Amino acid sequence: MVNSAIHKLHFQYCALRGHHYAKKAAVSWHIYSHINQFKLNHTSSKPASNKHPLQTYYGLFPKTLASGPPPTGPFHIDVKALHREFLLLQALAHPDRHANTSKDVAGQESAFINEAFNTLKTPLSRAQYLLSLRDSEIKEEDAKDQSLDSEALCEIMEIREQIDEATPDDFTTLKRLRNENTQSIKECENLIAKAFDDNDLQTAKKQTILLKYWMSISSHFDDLGIPS
């Protein structure tokens, strides 16, 4: 029932918006035809490691993520392009456009697309998702792994101490620390990208744990009102 309603919407949208928007709508219709199949194959607790790209969040955005997830596709993605494709999908999934379909069903589809976008748009959540696809989810005990980069962990602890010791008026020091943290985040993201490209899940997992630490410090700077 949902697919038939979307199919009807697809042709209405094409007729109203003309050829340029019709091409975009056709892309989204192609994505929508795979949503139900994705749900049948997707389990939040332990996704299969050998999933076809159409059975992952990557399959919902074929224009932006045509190559699929790493290692066939790159880890770094064009977030602006992803956002444009996301907005088009959400426009087609909006409950008000489904006159003959349960608004609850349409709302679920919209929420599902939103979940996929929010997962893929940031490097940390994207890395965590990619690890889950390979049955390599990060567990609490992983953060205590002795094989983690000791130098990076020491640097993280030192930055935390310097932040705690800085006074609210010491803007110059806090700004410098934030700039250093931003650089560490970029370096960590690049190491994660290389690890996934090389299919090195062990390194990808360790660097994702470190990225989580760096992002936590970044959030602390946000709370202090220190601009990035």
N, C-alpha and C. Protein backbone atom coordinates (compact mmCIF):
# COMPACT_ATOMS: atom_id res chain seq x y z
N MET A 1 0.83 -1.20 0.00
CA MET A 1 0.00 0.00 0.00
C MET A 1 0.87 1.26 0.00
N VAL A 2 1.94 1.20 0.81
CA VAL A 2 2.83 2.36 0.88
C VAL A 2 3.50 2.61 -0.46
N ASN A 3 3.99 1.53 -1.09
CA ASN A 3 4.67 1.69 -2.37
C ASN A 3 3.75 2.23 -3.45
N SER A 4 2.47 1.78 -3.45
CA SER A 4 1.54 2.26 -4.47
C SER A 4 1.27 3.74 -4.30
N ALA A 5 1.18 4.18 -3.04
CA ALA A 5 0.95 5.60 -2.78
C ALA A 5 2.14 6.43 -3.22
N ILE A 6 3.33 5.94 -2.95
CA ILE A 6 4.54 6.65 -3.35
C ILE A 6 4.67 6.66 -4.86
N HIS A 7 4.28 5.55 -5.49
CA HIS A 7 4.33 5.46 -6.95
C HIS A 7 3.44 6.54 -7.57
N LYS A 8 2.24 6.68 -7.03
CA LYS A 8 1.31 7.70 -7.52
C LYS A 8 1.89 9.09 -7.29
N LEU A 9 2.46 9.30 -6.11
CA LEU A 9 3.06 10.59 -5.79
C LEU A 9 4.19 10.91 -6.74
N HIS A 10 4.95 9.92 -7.11
CA HIS A 10 6.07 10.10 -8.02
C HIS A 10 5.62 10.74 -9.33
N PHE A 11 4.57 10.22 -9.92
CA PHE A 11 4.10 10.76 -11.20
C PHE A 11 3.47 12.14 -11.03
N GLN A 12 2.77 12.35 -9.91
CA GLN A 12 2.20 13.67 -9.65
C GLN A 12 3.31 14.71 -9.50
N TYR A 13 4.33 14.35 -8.80
CA TYR A 13 5.46 15.25 -8.56
C TYR A 13 6.16 15.60 -9.87
N CYS A 14 6.34 14.59 -10.72
CA CYS A 14 6.98 14.82 -12.01
C CYS A 14 6.15 15.79 -12.86
N ALA A 15 4.84 15.59 -12.88
CA ALA A 15 3.97 16.41 -13.71
C ALA A 15 3.96 17.86 -13.23
N LEU A 16 3.99 18.03 -11.90
CA LEU A 16 3.90 19.38 -11.35
C LEU A 16 5.21 20.16 -11.49
N ARG A 17 6.33 19.48 -11.36
CA ARG A 17 7.61 20.16 -11.28
C ARG A 17 8.40 20.21 -12.58
N GLY A 18 7.99 19.46 -13.58
CA GLY A 18 8.70 19.50 -14.85
C GLY A 18 9.89 18.57 -14.89
N HIS A 19 10.60 18.60 -16.03
CA HIS A 19 11.63 17.61 -16.29
C HIS A 19 12.79 17.67 -15.29
N HIS A 20 13.24 18.87 -14.92
CA HIS A 20 14.40 18.98 -14.02
C HIS A 20 14.11 18.32 -12.68
N TYR A 21 12.95 18.66 -12.12
CA TYR A 21 12.61 18.07 -10.83
C TYR A 21 12.15 16.63 -11.00
N ALA A 22 11.64 16.30 -12.16
CA ALA A 22 11.21 14.92 -12.41
C ALA A 22 12.40 13.98 -12.32
N LYS A 23 13.55 14.42 -12.84
CA LYS A 23 14.75 13.58 -12.77
C LYS A 23 15.14 13.33 -11.31
N LYS A 24 15.04 14.38 -10.49
CA LYS A 24 15.36 14.21 -9.07
C LYS A 24 14.35 13.29 -8.40
N ALA A 25 13.08 13.46 -8.75
CA ALA A 25 12.05 12.61 -8.16
C ALA A 25 12.26 11.16 -8.54
N ALA A 26 12.71 10.93 -9.77
CA ALA A 26 12.95 9.56 -10.22
C ALA A 26 14.04 8.90 -9.39
N VAL A 27 15.06 9.67 -9.04
CA VAL A 27 16.12 9.12 -8.19
C VAL A 27 15.54 8.72 -6.84
N SER A 28 14.71 9.59 -6.26
CA SER A 28 14.14 9.30 -4.96
C SER A 28 13.18 8.11 -5.03
N TRP A 29 12.44 8.00 -6.13
CA TRP A 29 11.54 6.86 -6.29
C TRP A 29 12.35 5.57 -6.34
N HIS A 30 13.50 5.61 -6.97
CA HIS A 30 14.38 4.44 -7.00
C HIS A 30 14.80 4.06 -5.58
N ILE A 31 15.11 5.06 -4.76
CA ILE A 31 15.50 4.79 -3.38
C ILE A 31 14.34 4.18 -2.61
N TYR A 32 13.16 4.77 -2.77
CA TYR A 32 12.01 4.32 -2.01
C TYR A 32 11.64 2.88 -2.32
N SER A 33 11.91 2.44 -3.53
CA SER A 33 11.56 1.07 -3.90
C SER A 33 12.35 0.05 -3.11
N HIS A 34 13.43 0.52 -2.43
CA HIS A 34 14.28 -0.40 -1.67
C HIS A 34 14.09 -0.27 -0.16
N ILE A 35 13.28 0.67 0.28
CA ILE A 35 13.17 0.91 1.72
C ILE A 35 12.61 -0.30 2.46
N ASN A 36 11.51 -0.86 1.95
CA ASN A 36 10.91 -2.00 2.63
C ASN A 36 11.85 -3.19 2.65
N GLN A 37 12.57 -3.42 1.54
CA GLN A 37 13.52 -4.52 1.50
C GLN A 37 14.64 -4.29 2.52
N PHE A 38 15.05 -3.03 2.65
CA PHE A 38 16.08 -2.69 3.64
C PHE A 38 15.60 -3.07 5.03
N LYS A 39 14.37 -2.72 5.36
CA LYS A 39 13.85 -2.99 6.69
C LYS A 39 13.76 -4.48 6.97
N LEU A 40 13.41 -5.26 5.95
CA LEU A 40 13.31 -6.70 6.13
C LEU A 40 14.67 -7.32 6.44
N ASN A 41 15.72 -6.75 5.89
CA ASN A 41 17.06 -7.32 6.04
C ASN A 41 17.87 -6.69 7.16
N HIS A 42 17.40 -5.53 7.67
CA HIS A 42 18.20 -4.77 8.63
C HIS A 42 17.79 -5.11 10.05
N THR A 43 18.75 -5.40 10.91
CA THR A 43 18.50 -5.57 12.33
C THR A 43 19.43 -4.63 13.07
N SER A 44 18.88 -3.89 14.03
CA SER A 44 19.67 -2.87 14.71
C SER A 44 20.74 -3.47 15.61
N SER A 45 20.52 -4.69 16.11
CA SER A 45 21.48 -5.25 17.06
C SER A 45 22.73 -5.79 16.40
N LYS A 46 22.58 -6.49 15.27
CA LYS A 46 23.76 -7.08 14.64
C LYS A 46 23.54 -7.20 13.14
N PRO A 47 23.77 -6.15 12.36
CA PRO A 47 23.62 -6.22 10.92
C PRO A 47 24.60 -7.22 10.32
N ALA A 48 24.19 -7.87 9.23
CA ALA A 48 25.06 -8.84 8.59
C ALA A 48 26.24 -8.14 7.95
N SER A 49 27.40 -8.79 8.00
CA SER A 49 28.62 -8.15 7.49
C SER A 49 28.70 -8.17 5.98
N ASN A 50 27.88 -9.01 5.32
CA ASN A 50 27.97 -9.14 3.87
C ASN A 50 26.80 -8.49 3.16
N LYS A 51 26.24 -7.45 3.76
CA LYS A 51 25.07 -6.81 3.17
C LYS A 51 25.40 -6.11 1.87
N HIS A 52 24.46 -6.20 0.93
CA HIS A 52 24.54 -5.44 -0.31
C HIS A 52 24.34 -3.97 0.05
N PRO A 53 24.98 -3.02 -0.66
CA PRO A 53 24.81 -1.60 -0.34
C PRO A 53 23.36 -1.14 -0.24
N LEU A 54 22.45 -1.74 -1.04
CA LEU A 54 21.06 -1.32 -0.99
C LEU A 54 20.40 -1.71 0.32
N GLN A 55 21.02 -2.62 1.08
CA GLN A 55 20.47 -3.05 2.36
C GLN A 55 21.10 -2.29 3.52
N THR A 56 21.83 -1.24 3.22
CA THR A 56 22.41 -0.38 4.25
C THR A 56 21.89 1.04 4.05
N TYR A 57 22.21 1.92 4.99
CA TYR A 57 21.79 3.31 4.86
C TYR A 57 22.35 3.94 3.59
N TYR A 58 23.48 3.45 3.13
CA TYR A 58 24.08 3.99 1.90
C TYR A 58 23.15 3.81 0.71
N GLY A 59 22.37 2.73 0.70
CA GLY A 59 21.48 2.46 -0.42
C GLY A 59 20.33 3.44 -0.55
N LEU A 60 20.07 4.23 0.49
CA LEU A 60 19.00 5.22 0.43
C LEU A 60 19.43 6.49 -0.31
N PHE A 61 20.73 6.63 -0.53
CA PHE A 61 21.26 7.84 -1.16
C PHE A 61 22.15 7.47 -2.35
N PRO A 62 21.57 6.88 -3.40
CA PRO A 62 22.38 6.37 -4.52
C PRO A 62 23.07 7.45 -5.34
N LYS A 63 22.54 8.67 -5.31
CA LYS A 63 23.17 9.73 -6.09
C LYS A 63 24.45 10.21 -5.41
N THR A 64 24.39 10.40 -4.10
CA THR A 64 25.54 10.89 -3.34
C THR A 64 26.53 9.78 -3.01
N LEU A 65 26.00 8.60 -2.70
CA LEU A 65 26.84 7.49 -2.24
C LEU A 65 26.75 6.32 -3.20
N ALA A 66 26.99 6.63 -4.47
CA ALA A 66 26.81 5.63 -5.53
C ALA A 66 27.71 4.41 -5.37
N SER A 67 28.88 4.58 -4.78
CA SER A 67 29.82 3.47 -4.64
C SER A 67 29.56 2.60 -3.42
N GLY A 68 28.62 3.03 -2.58
CA GLY A 68 28.32 2.26 -1.39
C GLY A 68 29.31 2.52 -0.27
N PRO A 69 29.24 1.72 0.79
CA PRO A 69 30.14 1.91 1.93
C PRO A 69 31.55 1.42 1.64
N PRO A 70 32.52 1.85 2.45
CA PRO A 70 33.88 1.34 2.30
C PRO A 70 33.91 -0.18 2.48
N PRO A 71 34.83 -0.88 1.84
CA PRO A 71 35.97 -0.35 1.08
C PRO A 71 35.68 -0.06 -0.40
N THR A 72 34.46 -0.37 -0.89
CA THR A 72 34.16 -0.06 -2.30
C THR A 72 33.97 1.43 -2.52
N GLY A 73 33.43 2.11 -1.52
CA GLY A 73 33.25 3.55 -1.59
C GLY A 73 34.11 4.24 -0.55
N PRO A 74 34.29 5.55 -0.66
CA PRO A 74 35.13 6.28 0.30
C PRO A 74 34.45 6.48 1.64
N PHE A 75 35.25 6.64 2.68
CA PHE A 75 34.68 6.95 4.00
C PHE A 75 34.20 8.40 4.03
N HIS A 76 35.04 9.32 3.55
CA HIS A 76 34.64 10.73 3.51
C HIS A 76 33.55 10.92 2.46
N ILE A 77 32.52 11.69 2.80
CA ILE A 77 31.41 11.90 1.87
C ILE A 77 31.12 13.40 1.74
N ASP A 78 30.41 13.75 0.67
CA ASP A 78 29.98 15.13 0.44
C ASP A 78 28.70 15.35 1.24
N VAL A 79 28.84 15.94 2.42
CA VAL A 79 27.69 16.08 3.32
C VAL A 79 26.64 17.03 2.74
N LYS A 80 27.08 18.06 2.01
CA LYS A 80 26.12 18.98 1.40
C LYS A 80 25.27 18.26 0.36
N ALA A 81 25.90 17.42 -0.45
CA ALA A 81 25.15 16.65 -1.45
C ALA A 81 24.22 15.65 -0.76
N LEU A 82 24.70 15.04 0.32
CA LEU A 82 23.87 14.11 1.08
C LEU A 82 22.65 14.83 1.64
N HIS A 83 22.84 16.05 2.12
CA HIS A 83 21.74 16.82 2.69
C HIS A 83 20.71 17.17 1.62
N ARG A 84 21.17 17.51 0.41
CA ARG A 84 20.23 17.83 -0.67
C ARG A 84 19.39 16.60 -1.02
N GLU A 85 20.03 15.45 -1.09
CA GLU A 85 19.29 14.23 -1.42
C GLU A 85 18.33 13.86 -0.28
N PHE A 86 18.76 14.10 0.93
CA PHE A 86 17.92 13.85 2.10
C PHE A 86 16.67 14.72 2.07
N LEU A 87 16.82 16.01 1.74
CA LEU A 87 15.67 16.91 1.70
C LEU A 87 14.67 16.48 0.64
N LEU A 88 15.16 16.02 -0.51
CA LEU A 88 14.27 15.56 -1.56
C LEU A 88 13.49 14.33 -1.11
N LEU A 89 14.19 13.42 -0.45
CA LEU A 89 13.53 12.23 0.08
C LEU A 89 12.46 12.59 1.11
N GLN A 90 12.80 13.51 2.00
CA GLN A 90 11.85 13.90 3.03
C GLN A 90 10.63 14.59 2.43
N ALA A 91 10.84 15.34 1.36
CA ALA A 91 9.71 16.00 0.69
C ALA A 91 8.75 14.96 0.14
N LEU A 92 9.28 13.90 -0.44
CA LEU A 92 8.43 12.85 -0.99
C LEU A 92 7.79 12.00 0.10
N ALA A 93 8.45 11.92 1.25
CA ALA A 93 7.95 11.07 2.33
C ALA A 93 7.01 11.81 3.28
N HIS A 94 6.84 13.11 3.09
CA HIS A 94 6.04 13.89 4.03
C HIS A 94 4.62 13.32 4.12
N PRO A 95 4.11 13.13 5.35
CA PRO A 95 2.77 12.54 5.53
C PRO A 95 1.66 13.27 4.78
N ASP A 96 1.78 14.59 4.62
CA ASP A 96 0.74 15.35 3.93
C ASP A 96 0.61 14.97 2.46
N ARG A 97 1.62 14.32 1.90
CA ARG A 97 1.60 13.93 0.50
C ARG A 97 0.97 12.55 0.30
N HIS A 98 0.60 11.88 1.38
CA HIS A 98 0.08 10.52 1.28
C HIS A 98 -1.40 10.51 1.62
N ALA A 99 -2.22 10.94 0.68
CA ALA A 99 -3.66 11.04 0.92
C ALA A 99 -4.30 9.68 1.16
N ASN A 100 -3.82 8.65 0.46
CA ASN A 100 -4.44 7.33 0.56
C ASN A 100 -3.62 6.36 1.40
N THR A 101 -2.70 6.88 2.16
CA THR A 101 -1.84 6.03 2.97
C THR A 101 -1.89 6.50 4.42
N SER A 102 -1.80 5.56 5.34
CA SER A 102 -1.78 5.89 6.75
C SER A 102 -0.67 6.89 7.04
N LYS A 103 -1.03 7.98 7.72
CA LYS A 103 -0.01 8.97 8.06
C LYS A 103 1.02 8.39 9.02
N ASP A 104 0.61 7.40 9.80
CA ASP A 104 1.57 6.75 10.69
C ASP A 104 2.64 6.03 9.89
N VAL A 105 2.21 5.34 8.82
CA VAL A 105 3.16 4.63 7.96
C VAL A 105 4.09 5.63 7.28
N ALA A 106 3.51 6.70 6.74
CA ALA A 106 4.32 7.72 6.08
C ALA A 106 5.29 8.37 7.07
N GLY A 107 4.81 8.57 8.29
CA GLY A 107 5.68 9.15 9.31
C GLY A 107 6.84 8.25 9.67
N GLN A 108 6.59 6.94 9.66
CA GLN A 108 7.65 5.98 9.94
C GLN A 108 8.71 6.01 8.85
N GLU A 109 8.26 6.13 7.60
CA GLU A 109 9.22 6.20 6.49
C GLU A 109 10.07 7.46 6.61
N SER A 110 9.43 8.57 6.98
CA SER A 110 10.16 9.83 7.13
C SER A 110 11.19 9.72 8.26
N ALA A 111 10.79 9.10 9.36
CA ALA A 111 11.70 8.94 10.49
C ALA A 111 12.87 8.03 10.13
N PHE A 112 12.59 7.03 9.30
CA PHE A 112 13.63 6.09 8.88
C PHE A 112 14.69 6.80 8.03
N ILE A 113 14.25 7.64 7.11
CA ILE A 113 15.17 8.41 6.27
C ILE A 113 15.99 9.37 7.13
N ASN A 114 15.33 9.98 8.10
CA ASN A 114 16.01 10.91 9.00
C ASN A 114 17.09 10.19 9.81
N GLU A 115 16.79 8.98 10.25
CA GLU A 115 17.76 8.18 11.00
C GLU A 115 18.98 7.86 10.15
N ALA A 116 18.73 7.50 8.90
CA ALA A 116 19.84 7.17 7.99
C ALA A 116 20.73 8.39 7.76
N PHE A 117 20.11 9.54 7.52
CA PHE A 117 20.89 10.76 7.27
C PHE A 117 21.71 11.16 8.49
N ASN A 118 21.08 11.15 9.66
CA ASN A 118 21.79 11.55 10.87
C ASN A 118 22.95 10.61 11.20
N THR A 119 22.82 9.35 10.82
CA THR A 119 23.89 8.38 11.06
C THR A 119 25.07 8.63 10.15
N LEU A 120 24.80 8.96 8.90
CA LEU A 120 25.87 9.08 7.91
C LEU A 120 26.51 10.47 7.85
N LYS A 121 25.85 11.49 8.38
CA LYS A 121 26.33 12.85 8.15
C LYS A 121 27.58 13.21 8.96
N THR A 122 27.80 12.55 10.09
CA THR A 122 28.98 12.87 10.89
C THR A 122 29.96 11.70 10.87
N PRO A 123 31.26 11.98 10.83
CA PRO A 123 32.26 10.91 10.76
C PRO A 123 32.19 9.91 11.91
N LEU A 124 31.91 10.39 13.13
CA LEU A 124 31.88 9.48 14.27
C LEU A 124 30.74 8.47 14.17
N SER A 125 29.52 8.95 13.96
CA SER A 125 28.38 8.03 13.86
C SER A 125 28.49 7.16 12.61
N ARG A 126 29.08 7.71 11.55
CA ARG A 126 29.28 6.93 10.32
C ARG A 126 30.25 5.78 10.58
N ALA A 127 31.35 6.08 11.27
CA ALA A 127 32.34 5.05 11.58
C ALA A 127 31.75 3.98 12.49
N GLN A 128 30.98 4.39 13.48
CA GLN A 128 30.34 3.43 14.38
C GLN A 128 29.37 2.53 13.61
N TYR A 129 28.64 3.12 12.69
CA TYR A 129 27.70 2.35 11.88
C TYR A 129 28.43 1.35 10.98
N LEU A 130 29.50 1.80 10.34
CA LEU A 130 30.27 0.91 9.47
C LEU A 130 30.87 -0.25 10.25
N LEU A 131 31.31 0.01 11.47
CA LEU A 131 31.83 -1.07 12.31
C LEU A 131 30.73 -2.06 12.66
N SER A 132 29.52 -1.55 12.90
CA SER A 132 28.40 -2.44 13.23
C SER A 132 28.04 -3.34 12.06
N LEU A 133 28.22 -2.83 10.84
CA LEU A 133 27.95 -3.65 9.66
C LEU A 133 28.91 -4.83 9.56
N ARG A 134 30.06 -4.70 10.20
CA ARG A 134 31.08 -5.76 10.18
C ARG A 134 31.12 -6.54 11.49
N ASP A 135 30.05 -6.42 12.28
CA ASP A 135 30.01 -7.11 13.58
C ASP A 135 31.17 -6.70 14.47
N SER A 136 31.57 -5.43 14.40
CA SER A 136 32.70 -4.94 15.20
C SER A 136 32.27 -3.75 16.05
N GLU A 137 31.07 -3.84 16.61
CA GLU A 137 30.58 -2.74 17.43
C GLU A 137 31.55 -2.43 18.58
N ILE A 138 31.63 -1.15 18.93
CA ILE A 138 32.48 -0.73 20.04
C ILE A 138 31.76 -1.01 21.36
N LYS A 139 32.41 -1.77 22.22
CA LYS A 139 31.84 -2.11 23.52
C LYS A 139 32.56 -1.34 24.61
N GLU A 140 31.97 -1.35 25.79
CA GLU A 140 32.54 -0.57 26.90
C GLU A 140 33.97 -0.99 27.22
N GLU A 141 34.23 -2.29 27.16
CA GLU A 141 35.57 -2.76 27.50
C GLU A 141 36.61 -2.36 26.45
N ASP A 142 36.15 -2.03 25.23
CA ASP A 142 37.08 -1.63 24.18
C ASP A 142 37.80 -0.33 24.52
N ALA A 143 37.11 0.54 25.27
CA ALA A 143 37.71 1.82 25.65
C ALA A 143 38.88 1.64 26.62
N LYS A 144 38.96 0.45 27.24
CA LYS A 144 40.04 0.17 28.19
C LYS A 144 41.14 -0.68 27.54
N ASP A 145 41.04 -0.85 26.24
CA ASP A 145 42.01 -1.68 25.51
C ASP A 145 43.41 -1.11 25.67
N GLN A 146 44.33 -1.93 26.15
CA GLN A 146 45.70 -1.47 26.39
C GLN A 146 46.46 -1.17 25.10
N SER A 147 45.93 -1.67 23.97
CA SER A 147 46.63 -1.46 22.70
C SER A 147 46.26 -0.13 22.05
N LEU A 148 45.38 0.64 22.69
CA LEU A 148 45.05 1.96 22.15
C LEU A 148 46.29 2.85 22.15
N ASP A 149 46.28 3.84 21.28
CA ASP A 149 47.42 4.74 21.14
C ASP A 149 47.67 5.48 22.46
N SER A 150 48.70 5.06 23.19
CA SER A 150 48.97 5.65 24.51
C SER A 150 49.34 7.12 24.41
N GLU A 151 50.04 7.48 23.35
CA GLU A 151 50.43 8.89 23.16
C GLU A 151 49.21 9.77 22.98
N ALA A 152 48.25 9.29 22.17
CA ALA A 152 47.03 10.06 21.95
C ALA A 152 46.21 10.16 23.23
N LEU A 153 46.14 9.07 23.98
CA LEU A 153 45.38 9.08 25.23
C LEU A 153 45.99 10.06 26.24
N CYS A 154 47.32 10.09 26.29
CA CYS A 154 48.00 11.04 27.18
C CYS A 154 47.71 12.48 26.76
N GLU A 155 47.70 12.71 25.46
CA GLU A 155 47.42 14.05 24.94
C GLU A 155 46.00 14.48 25.29
N ILE A 156 45.07 13.53 25.20
CA ILE A 156 43.67 13.81 25.55
C ILE A 156 43.56 14.19 27.02
N MET A 157 44.24 13.44 27.88
CA MET A 157 44.21 13.73 29.32
C MET A 157 44.83 15.09 29.62
N GLU A 158 45.92 15.42 28.93
CA GLU A 158 46.59 16.71 29.15
C GLU A 158 45.69 17.87 28.75
N ILE A 159 45.00 17.72 27.62
CA ILE A 159 44.10 18.78 27.17
C ILE A 159 42.97 18.97 28.17
N ARG A 160 42.43 17.87 28.67
CA ARG A 160 41.36 17.97 29.67
C ARG A 160 41.85 18.72 30.92
N GLU A 161 43.06 18.41 31.35
CA GLU A 161 43.62 19.07 32.53
C GLU A 161 43.82 20.56 32.27
N GLN A 162 44.31 20.90 31.09
CA GLN A 162 44.54 22.32 30.77
C GLN A 162 43.22 23.08 30.69
N ILE A 163 42.19 22.42 30.19
CA ILE A 163 40.87 23.07 30.14
C ILE A 163 40.36 23.33 31.55
N ASP A 164 40.52 22.33 32.43
CA ASP A 164 40.05 22.46 33.81
C ASP A 164 40.81 23.54 34.56
N GLU A 165 42.09 23.70 34.23
CA GLU A 165 42.93 24.68 34.93
C GLU A 165 42.77 26.10 34.39
N ALA A 166 42.29 26.22 33.16
CA ALA A 166 42.13 27.55 32.56
C ALA A 166 40.98 28.31 33.22
N THR A 167 41.15 29.60 33.36
CA THR A 167 40.09 30.44 33.92
C THR A 167 39.16 30.87 32.79
N PRO A 168 37.93 31.25 33.11
CA PRO A 168 36.98 31.68 32.07
C PRO A 168 37.50 32.84 31.23
N ASP A 169 38.39 33.66 31.82
CA ASP A 169 38.92 34.82 31.10
C ASP A 169 40.11 34.46 30.21
N ASP A 170 40.61 33.24 30.33
CA ASP A 170 41.80 32.84 29.57
C ASP A 170 41.39 32.34 28.18
N PHE A 171 40.79 33.26 27.41
CA PHE A 171 40.24 32.90 26.10
C PHE A 171 41.33 32.44 25.14
N THR A 172 42.48 33.10 25.16
CA THR A 172 43.56 32.78 24.22
C THR A 172 44.01 31.32 24.36
N THR A 173 44.19 30.89 25.61
CA THR A 173 44.62 29.51 25.85
C THR A 173 43.55 28.52 25.41
N LEU A 174 42.31 28.80 25.76
CA LEU A 174 41.21 27.90 25.40
C LEU A 174 41.02 27.83 23.88
N LYS A 175 41.19 28.96 23.22
CA LYS A 175 41.05 28.98 21.76
C LYS A 175 42.16 28.16 21.12
N ARG A 176 43.38 28.28 21.65
CA ARG A 176 44.51 27.50 21.12
C ARG A 176 44.26 26.00 21.31
N LEU A 177 43.78 25.65 22.49
CA LEU A 177 43.49 24.24 22.77
C LEU A 177 42.40 23.71 21.85
N ARG A 178 41.41 24.55 21.57
CA ARG A 178 40.34 24.11 20.68
C ARG A 178 40.88 23.89 19.28
N ASN A 179 41.73 24.79 18.80
CA ASN A 179 42.32 24.62 17.47
C ASN A 179 43.13 23.33 17.38
N GLU A 180 43.88 23.03 18.45
CA GLU A 180 44.65 21.79 18.48
C GLU A 180 43.73 20.58 18.47
N ASN A 181 42.64 20.68 19.20
CA ASN A 181 41.68 19.58 19.25
C ASN A 181 41.02 19.36 17.89
N THR A 182 40.70 20.45 17.21
CA THR A 182 40.11 20.35 15.87
C THR A 182 41.05 19.66 14.90
N GLN A 183 42.33 19.97 15.00
CA GLN A 183 43.33 19.33 14.15
C GLN A 183 43.44 17.84 14.47
N SER A 184 43.37 17.51 15.74
CA SER A 184 43.43 16.10 16.15
C SER A 184 42.23 15.33 15.62
N ILE A 185 41.07 15.97 15.60
CA ILE A 185 39.86 15.34 15.07
C ILE A 185 40.03 15.04 13.58
N LYS A 186 40.55 16.00 12.83
CA LYS A 186 40.74 15.81 11.40
C LYS A 186 41.73 14.68 11.12
N GLU A 187 42.82 14.66 11.88
CA GLU A 187 43.82 13.60 11.70
C GLU A 187 43.23 12.23 12.01
N CYS A 188 42.43 12.17 13.06
CA CYS A 188 41.80 10.92 13.45
C CYS A 188 40.81 10.45 12.38
N GLU A 189 40.04 11.37 11.84
CA GLU A 189 39.08 11.02 10.79
C GLU A 189 39.80 10.49 9.55
N ASN A 190 40.94 11.08 9.22
CA ASN A 190 41.71 10.61 8.06
C ASN A 190 42.28 9.21 8.30
N LEU A 191 42.69 8.93 9.53
CA LEU A 191 43.19 7.60 9.86
C LEU A 191 42.07 6.57 9.79
N ILE A 192 40.88 6.97 10.20
CA ILE A 192 39.72 6.07 10.11
C ILE A 192 39.40 5.79 8.65
N ALA A 193 39.43 6.84 7.82
CA ALA A 193 39.15 6.67 6.39
C ALA A 193 40.14 5.70 5.76
N LYS A 194 41.41 5.86 6.07
CA LYS A 194 42.44 4.97 5.51
C LYS A 194 42.24 3.54 5.99
N ALA A 195 41.88 3.39 7.26
CA ALA A 195 41.68 2.05 7.82
C ALA A 195 40.53 1.34 7.11
N PHE A 196 39.43 2.05 6.88
CA PHE A 196 38.30 1.43 6.18
C PHE A 196 38.66 1.15 4.72
N ASP A 197 39.39 2.05 4.10
CA ASP A 197 39.83 1.82 2.71
C ASP A 197 40.70 0.57 2.62
N ASP A 198 41.52 0.36 3.65
CA ASP A 198 42.41 -0.81 3.68
C ASP A 198 41.74 -2.04 4.27
N ASN A 199 40.47 -1.88 4.65
CA ASN A 199 39.72 -2.98 5.28
C ASN A 199 40.38 -3.43 6.59
N ASP A 200 41.01 -2.47 7.27
CA ASP A 200 41.69 -2.72 8.54
C ASP A 200 40.74 -2.36 9.68
N LEU A 201 39.89 -3.30 10.07
CA LEU A 201 38.85 -3.02 11.05
C LEU A 201 39.42 -2.77 12.45
N GLN A 202 40.52 -3.41 12.77
CA GLN A 202 41.12 -3.21 14.09
C GLN A 202 41.56 -1.76 14.28
N THR A 203 42.25 -1.23 13.28
CA THR A 203 42.68 0.17 13.35
C THR A 203 41.48 1.11 13.30
N ALA A 204 40.51 0.80 12.45
CA ALA A 204 39.31 1.64 12.35
C ALA A 204 38.60 1.72 13.70
N LYS A 205 38.54 0.61 14.39
CA LYS A 205 37.87 0.57 15.69
C LYS A 205 38.63 1.39 16.72
N LYS A 206 39.95 1.24 16.78
CA LYS A 206 40.76 1.98 17.75
C LYS A 206 40.68 3.48 17.50
N GLN A 207 40.76 3.87 16.23
CA GLN A 207 40.71 5.30 15.91
C GLN A 207 39.32 5.88 16.15
N THR A 208 38.28 5.07 15.99
CA THR A 208 36.92 5.53 16.26
C THR A 208 36.74 5.79 17.75
N ILE A 209 37.34 4.94 18.58
CA ILE A 209 37.30 5.16 20.03
C ILE A 209 37.99 6.47 20.38
N LEU A 210 39.16 6.71 19.77
CA LEU A 210 39.88 7.96 20.02
C LEU A 210 39.08 9.16 19.52
N LEU A 211 38.43 9.01 18.36
CA LEU A 211 37.62 10.11 17.82
C LEU A 211 36.50 10.47 18.78
N LYS A 212 35.94 9.46 19.42
CA LYS A 212 34.88 9.72 20.39
C LYS A 212 35.40 10.58 21.54
N TYR A 213 36.63 10.32 21.98
CA TYR A 213 37.25 11.13 23.03
C TYR A 213 37.45 12.57 22.54
N TRP A 214 38.01 12.71 21.33
CA TRP A 214 38.25 14.05 20.79
C TRP A 214 36.94 14.83 20.64
N MET A 215 35.89 14.15 20.19
CA MET A 215 34.60 14.82 20.01
C MET A 215 33.99 15.22 21.35
N SER A 216 34.26 14.44 22.38
CA SER A 216 33.78 14.78 23.71
C SER A 216 34.42 16.08 24.19
N ILE A 217 35.72 16.24 23.91
CA ILE A 217 36.41 17.48 24.27
C ILE A 217 35.84 18.65 23.46
N SER A 218 35.54 18.39 22.19
CA SER A 218 34.96 19.44 21.34
C SER A 218 33.62 19.91 21.90
N SER A 219 32.81 18.97 22.39
CA SER A 219 31.52 19.33 22.99
C SER A 219 31.73 20.17 24.25
N HIS A 220 32.79 19.86 24.98
CA HIS A 220 33.11 20.63 26.19
C HIS A 220 33.45 22.08 25.82
N PHE A 221 34.19 22.25 24.73
CA PHE A 221 34.50 23.61 24.27
C PHE A 221 33.22 24.34 23.87
N ASP A 222 32.28 23.62 23.25
CA ASP A 222 30.99 24.22 22.90
C ASP A 222 30.28 24.73 24.15
N ASP A 223 30.30 23.91 25.20
CA ASP A 223 29.64 24.30 26.45
C ASP A 223 30.29 25.54 27.06
N LEU A 224 31.60 25.68 26.84
CA LEU A 224 32.32 26.84 27.38
C LEU A 224 32.17 28.08 26.49
N GLY A 225 31.56 27.88 25.32
CA GLY A 225 31.37 29.01 24.41
C GLY A 225 32.61 29.39 23.63
N ILE A 226 33.54 28.44 23.47
CA ILE A 226 34.76 28.70 22.70
C ILE A 226 34.50 28.34 21.24
N PRO A 227 34.55 29.30 20.32
CA PRO A 227 34.22 29.01 18.91
C PRO A 227 35.26 28.11 18.26
N SER A 228 34.80 27.36 17.27
CA SER A 228 35.72 26.47 16.55
C SER A 228 36.45 27.23 15.45
